Amino acid sequence: MTTASELLDIALIIAFVSLAFAQIMCMVRLVIGPSTGDRILALDTMVINALGLVVLLGIHQGVRIYFEVSLLIAMLGFVSTVALARFILRGDIIE
């Protein structure tokens, strides 16, 4: 019979592998994306995957500071995605 700690370790390994695979697939889309919009979406998804990896690392190590780091990554990812999209649409970021 497996304990709860062993099940958590197995779930964390599966989640790490899944997010790493998703990150690699986003990198592929970033390189071969046919349009600029695809590349922007790939970058945004890479930020979300990195956010998931940081949260999983915090769960694995049992350190709470990673959750605050994940909030900073989420805010920076959102702002950078909006800025990049505005730059592509209008040619400038600040009017």
N, C-alpha and C. Protein backbone atom coordinates (compact mmCIF):
# COMPACT_ATOMS: atom_id res chain seq x y z
N MET A 1 0.84 -1.19 0.00
CA MET A 1 0.00 0.00 0.00
C MET A 1 0.88 1.24 0.00
N THR A 2 0.57 2.18 -0.87
CA THR A 2 1.36 3.40 -0.97
C THR A 2 0.82 4.45 0.00
N THR A 3 1.72 5.25 0.49
CA THR A 3 1.32 6.30 1.42
C THR A 3 1.00 7.58 0.64
N ALA A 4 0.48 8.54 1.36
CA ALA A 4 0.11 9.81 0.72
C ALA A 4 1.35 10.54 0.22
N SER A 5 2.45 10.42 0.92
CA SER A 5 3.68 11.08 0.51
C SER A 5 4.20 10.49 -0.81
N GLU A 6 4.12 9.18 -0.95
CA GLU A 6 4.57 8.55 -2.19
C GLU A 6 3.67 8.93 -3.36
N LEU A 7 2.37 9.02 -3.11
CA LEU A 7 1.44 9.43 -4.17
C LEU A 7 1.69 10.87 -4.59
N LEU A 8 2.00 11.73 -3.63
CA LEU A 8 2.31 13.13 -3.94
C LEU A 8 3.59 13.21 -4.78
N ASP A 9 4.59 12.41 -4.42
CA ASP A 9 5.82 12.39 -5.21
C ASP A 9 5.58 11.93 -6.64
N ILE A 10 4.76 10.92 -6.81
CA ILE A 10 4.44 10.43 -8.16
C ILE A 10 3.68 11.49 -8.95
N ALA A 11 2.72 12.14 -8.30
CA ALA A 11 1.94 13.19 -8.97
C ALA A 11 2.84 14.37 -9.35
N LEU A 12 3.79 14.72 -8.48
CA LEU A 12 4.70 15.82 -8.80
C LEU A 12 5.61 15.46 -9.97
N ILE A 13 6.07 14.23 -10.03
CA ILE A 13 6.92 13.82 -11.15
C ILE A 13 6.14 13.88 -12.46
N ILE A 14 4.91 13.39 -12.44
CA ILE A 14 4.08 13.43 -13.65
C ILE A 14 3.81 14.88 -14.07
N ALA A 15 3.55 15.75 -13.10
CA ALA A 15 3.29 17.16 -13.40
C ALA A 15 4.54 17.85 -13.94
N PHE A 16 5.71 17.58 -13.35
CA PHE A 16 6.96 18.15 -13.85
C PHE A 16 7.22 17.73 -15.29
N VAL A 17 7.05 16.45 -15.57
CA VAL A 17 7.30 15.95 -16.92
C VAL A 17 6.31 16.55 -17.91
N SER A 18 5.05 16.64 -17.51
CA SER A 18 4.03 17.21 -18.41
C SER A 18 4.31 18.67 -18.71
N LEU A 19 4.66 19.45 -17.70
CA LEU A 19 4.94 20.86 -17.94
C LEU A 19 6.23 21.06 -18.73
N ALA A 20 7.21 20.21 -18.49
CA ALA A 20 8.45 20.31 -19.28
C ALA A 20 8.18 19.99 -20.74
N PHE A 21 7.36 18.98 -21.00
CA PHE A 21 7.00 18.65 -22.38
C PHE A 21 6.21 19.79 -23.02
N ALA A 22 5.30 20.39 -22.27
CA ALA A 22 4.53 21.52 -22.80
C ALA A 22 5.44 22.71 -23.09
N GLN A 23 6.44 22.92 -22.25
CA GLN A 23 7.39 24.01 -22.47
C GLN A 23 8.18 23.77 -23.75
N ILE A 24 8.61 22.55 -23.97
CA ILE A 24 9.35 22.21 -25.19
C ILE A 24 8.47 22.40 -26.42
N MET A 25 7.22 22.01 -26.34
CA MET A 25 6.31 22.18 -27.49
C MET A 25 6.06 23.66 -27.77
N CYS A 26 6.00 24.48 -26.73
CA CYS A 26 5.84 25.92 -26.94
C CYS A 26 7.08 26.52 -27.58
N MET A 27 8.25 26.01 -27.21
CA MET A 27 9.48 26.49 -27.85
C MET A 27 9.50 26.14 -29.33
N VAL A 28 8.99 24.96 -29.66
CA VAL A 28 8.90 24.57 -31.07
C VAL A 28 7.95 25.51 -31.81
N ARG A 29 6.80 25.82 -31.21
CA ARG A 29 5.85 26.74 -31.84
C ARG A 29 6.45 28.13 -31.97
N LEU A 30 7.26 28.52 -31.00
CA LEU A 30 7.90 29.83 -31.06
C LEU A 30 8.87 29.90 -32.24
N VAL A 31 9.56 28.82 -32.52
CA VAL A 31 10.54 28.82 -33.60
C VAL A 31 9.87 28.70 -34.96
N ILE A 32 8.90 27.80 -35.10
CA ILE A 32 8.32 27.54 -36.43
C ILE A 32 6.95 28.17 -36.62
N GLY A 33 6.52 29.00 -35.68
CA GLY A 33 5.19 29.61 -35.80
C GLY A 33 5.04 30.37 -37.09
N PRO A 34 3.98 30.12 -37.85
CA PRO A 34 3.86 30.80 -39.14
C PRO A 34 3.56 32.29 -39.04
N SER A 35 2.94 32.71 -37.95
CA SER A 35 2.61 34.13 -37.86
C SER A 35 3.13 34.71 -36.55
N THR A 36 3.09 36.02 -36.46
CA THR A 36 3.54 36.70 -35.26
C THR A 36 2.60 36.43 -34.09
N GLY A 37 1.32 36.32 -34.38
CA GLY A 37 0.35 36.01 -33.32
C GLY A 37 0.61 34.67 -32.67
N ASP A 38 1.01 33.68 -33.49
CA ASP A 38 1.36 32.38 -32.93
C ASP A 38 2.56 32.46 -32.02
N ARG A 39 3.51 33.28 -32.38
CA ARG A 39 4.71 33.43 -31.55
C ARG A 39 4.38 34.14 -30.24
N ILE A 40 3.49 35.13 -30.28
CA ILE A 40 3.09 35.82 -29.05
C ILE A 40 2.35 34.86 -28.12
N LEU A 41 1.45 34.06 -28.68
CA LEU A 41 0.73 33.09 -27.87
C LEU A 41 1.67 32.03 -27.30
N ALA A 42 2.68 31.63 -28.07
CA ALA A 42 3.65 30.67 -27.57
C ALA A 42 4.44 31.25 -26.40
N LEU A 43 4.83 32.52 -26.51
CA LEU A 43 5.54 33.16 -25.39
C LEU A 43 4.66 33.26 -24.16
N ASP A 44 3.40 33.60 -24.34
CA ASP A 44 2.48 33.70 -23.21
C ASP A 44 2.28 32.34 -22.56
N THR A 45 2.15 31.31 -23.36
CA THR A 45 2.00 29.97 -22.82
C THR A 45 3.27 29.49 -22.13
N MET A 46 4.42 29.91 -22.63
CA MET A 46 5.67 29.56 -21.96
C MET A 46 5.75 30.21 -20.58
N VAL A 47 5.24 31.43 -20.45
CA VAL A 47 5.21 32.09 -19.15
C VAL A 47 4.30 31.32 -18.20
N ILE A 48 3.17 30.87 -18.68
CA ILE A 48 2.24 30.10 -17.85
C ILE A 48 2.86 28.77 -17.44
N ASN A 49 3.56 28.11 -18.38
CA ASN A 49 4.23 26.86 -18.04
C ASN A 49 5.34 27.08 -17.02
N ALA A 50 6.10 28.15 -17.17
CA ALA A 50 7.15 28.47 -16.20
C ALA A 50 6.54 28.76 -14.83
N LEU A 51 5.40 29.40 -14.83
CA LEU A 51 4.68 29.66 -13.59
C LEU A 51 4.29 28.35 -12.91
N GLY A 52 3.79 27.41 -13.70
CA GLY A 52 3.44 26.10 -13.15
C GLY A 52 4.65 25.37 -12.61
N LEU A 53 5.77 25.46 -13.31
CA LEU A 53 6.99 24.81 -12.83
C LEU A 53 7.47 25.40 -11.51
N VAL A 54 7.38 26.72 -11.37
CA VAL A 54 7.79 27.36 -10.12
C VAL A 54 6.87 26.94 -8.97
N VAL A 55 5.58 26.87 -9.22
CA VAL A 55 4.64 26.45 -8.18
C VAL A 55 4.91 25.00 -7.79
N LEU A 56 5.14 24.14 -8.78
CA LEU A 56 5.45 22.74 -8.47
C LEU A 56 6.75 22.61 -7.69
N LEU A 57 7.73 23.42 -8.03
CA LEU A 57 8.98 23.41 -7.28
C LEU A 57 8.76 23.84 -5.84
N GLY A 58 7.90 24.81 -5.63
CA GLY A 58 7.56 25.24 -4.28
C GLY A 58 6.85 24.16 -3.49
N ILE A 59 5.95 23.43 -4.15
CA ILE A 59 5.27 22.32 -3.48
C ILE A 59 6.26 21.22 -3.14
N HIS A 60 7.14 20.92 -4.08
CA HIS A 60 8.11 19.85 -3.87
C HIS A 60 9.07 20.16 -2.73
N GLN A 61 9.56 21.40 -2.67
CA GLN A 61 10.51 21.77 -1.63
C GLN A 61 9.85 22.22 -0.34
N GLY A 62 8.56 22.52 -0.39
CA GLY A 62 7.85 22.96 0.80
C GLY A 62 8.21 24.37 1.24
N VAL A 63 8.59 25.21 0.29
CA VAL A 63 8.97 26.59 0.58
C VAL A 63 7.89 27.52 0.04
N ARG A 64 7.45 28.45 0.86
CA ARG A 64 6.34 29.32 0.47
C ARG A 64 6.76 30.51 -0.39
N ILE A 65 8.04 30.82 -0.43
CA ILE A 65 8.49 32.00 -1.18
C ILE A 65 8.25 31.81 -2.68
N TYR A 66 8.22 30.57 -3.15
CA TYR A 66 7.99 30.32 -4.57
C TYR A 66 6.61 30.79 -5.02
N PHE A 67 5.65 30.80 -4.12
CA PHE A 67 4.32 31.25 -4.50
C PHE A 67 4.29 32.76 -4.73
N GLU A 68 5.08 33.50 -3.95
CA GLU A 68 5.20 34.94 -4.18
C GLU A 68 5.96 35.21 -5.48
N VAL A 69 6.97 34.39 -5.75
CA VAL A 69 7.70 34.51 -7.00
C VAL A 69 6.77 34.24 -8.18
N SER A 70 5.87 33.27 -8.01
CA SER A 70 4.94 32.96 -9.10
C SER A 70 4.00 34.13 -9.39
N LEU A 71 3.62 34.87 -8.36
CA LEU A 71 2.78 36.06 -8.59
C LEU A 71 3.54 37.11 -9.39
N LEU A 72 4.81 37.30 -9.07
CA LEU A 72 5.62 38.26 -9.84
C LEU A 72 5.79 37.82 -11.29
N ILE A 73 6.02 36.54 -11.50
CA ILE A 73 6.14 36.03 -12.87
C ILE A 73 4.85 36.21 -13.63
N ALA A 74 3.72 35.98 -12.97
CA ALA A 74 2.42 36.13 -13.64
C ALA A 74 2.18 37.59 -14.03
N MET A 75 2.51 38.52 -13.15
CA MET A 75 2.32 39.94 -13.47
C MET A 75 3.23 40.38 -14.61
N LEU A 76 4.49 39.99 -14.56
CA LEU A 76 5.42 40.35 -15.63
C LEU A 76 5.03 39.71 -16.96
N GLY A 77 4.56 38.48 -16.91
CA GLY A 77 4.13 37.81 -18.13
C GLY A 77 2.93 38.49 -18.76
N PHE A 78 1.97 38.91 -17.94
CA PHE A 78 0.80 39.59 -18.46
C PHE A 78 1.17 40.92 -19.10
N VAL A 79 1.97 41.71 -18.39
CA VAL A 79 2.37 43.02 -18.90
C VAL A 79 3.18 42.88 -20.18
N SER A 80 4.08 41.91 -20.22
CA SER A 80 4.90 41.75 -21.43
C SER A 80 4.07 41.27 -22.61
N THR A 81 3.09 40.42 -22.38
CA THR A 81 2.23 39.96 -23.47
C THR A 81 1.40 41.11 -24.02
N VAL A 82 0.85 41.92 -23.15
CA VAL A 82 0.06 43.07 -23.60
C VAL A 82 0.93 44.06 -24.35
N ALA A 83 2.13 44.32 -23.84
CA ALA A 83 3.03 45.27 -24.50
C ALA A 83 3.45 44.75 -25.88
N LEU A 84 3.76 43.49 -25.97
CA LEU A 84 4.16 42.92 -27.26
C LEU A 84 3.00 42.94 -28.26
N ALA A 85 1.80 42.62 -27.80
CA ALA A 85 0.64 42.65 -28.69
C ALA A 85 0.34 44.07 -29.17
N ARG A 86 0.46 45.05 -28.27
CA ARG A 86 0.24 46.44 -28.69
C ARG A 86 1.30 46.90 -29.67
N PHE A 87 2.53 46.45 -29.47
CA PHE A 87 3.59 46.82 -30.38
C PHE A 87 3.34 46.22 -31.77
N ILE A 88 2.88 45.00 -31.83
CA ILE A 88 2.61 44.36 -33.12
C ILE A 88 1.42 45.04 -33.82
N LEU A 89 0.39 45.39 -33.06
CA LEU A 89 -0.80 45.99 -33.66
C LEU A 89 -0.61 47.44 -34.06
N ARG A 90 0.05 48.23 -33.22
CA ARG A 90 0.12 49.67 -33.44
C ARG A 90 1.50 50.20 -33.84
N GLY A 91 2.53 49.43 -33.57
CA GLY A 91 3.86 49.90 -33.89
C GLY A 91 4.54 50.65 -32.78
N ASP A 92 3.81 50.97 -31.71
CA ASP A 92 4.42 51.57 -30.54
C ASP A 92 3.66 51.08 -29.30
N ILE A 93 4.30 51.21 -28.15
CA ILE A 93 3.70 50.72 -26.92
C ILE A 93 3.02 51.85 -26.17
N ILE A 94 3.72 52.97 -26.06
CA ILE A 94 3.20 54.14 -25.33
C ILE A 94 2.80 55.18 -26.35
N GLU A 95 1.58 55.65 -26.23
CA GLU A 95 1.07 56.63 -27.20
C GLU A 95 1.40 58.03 -26.79
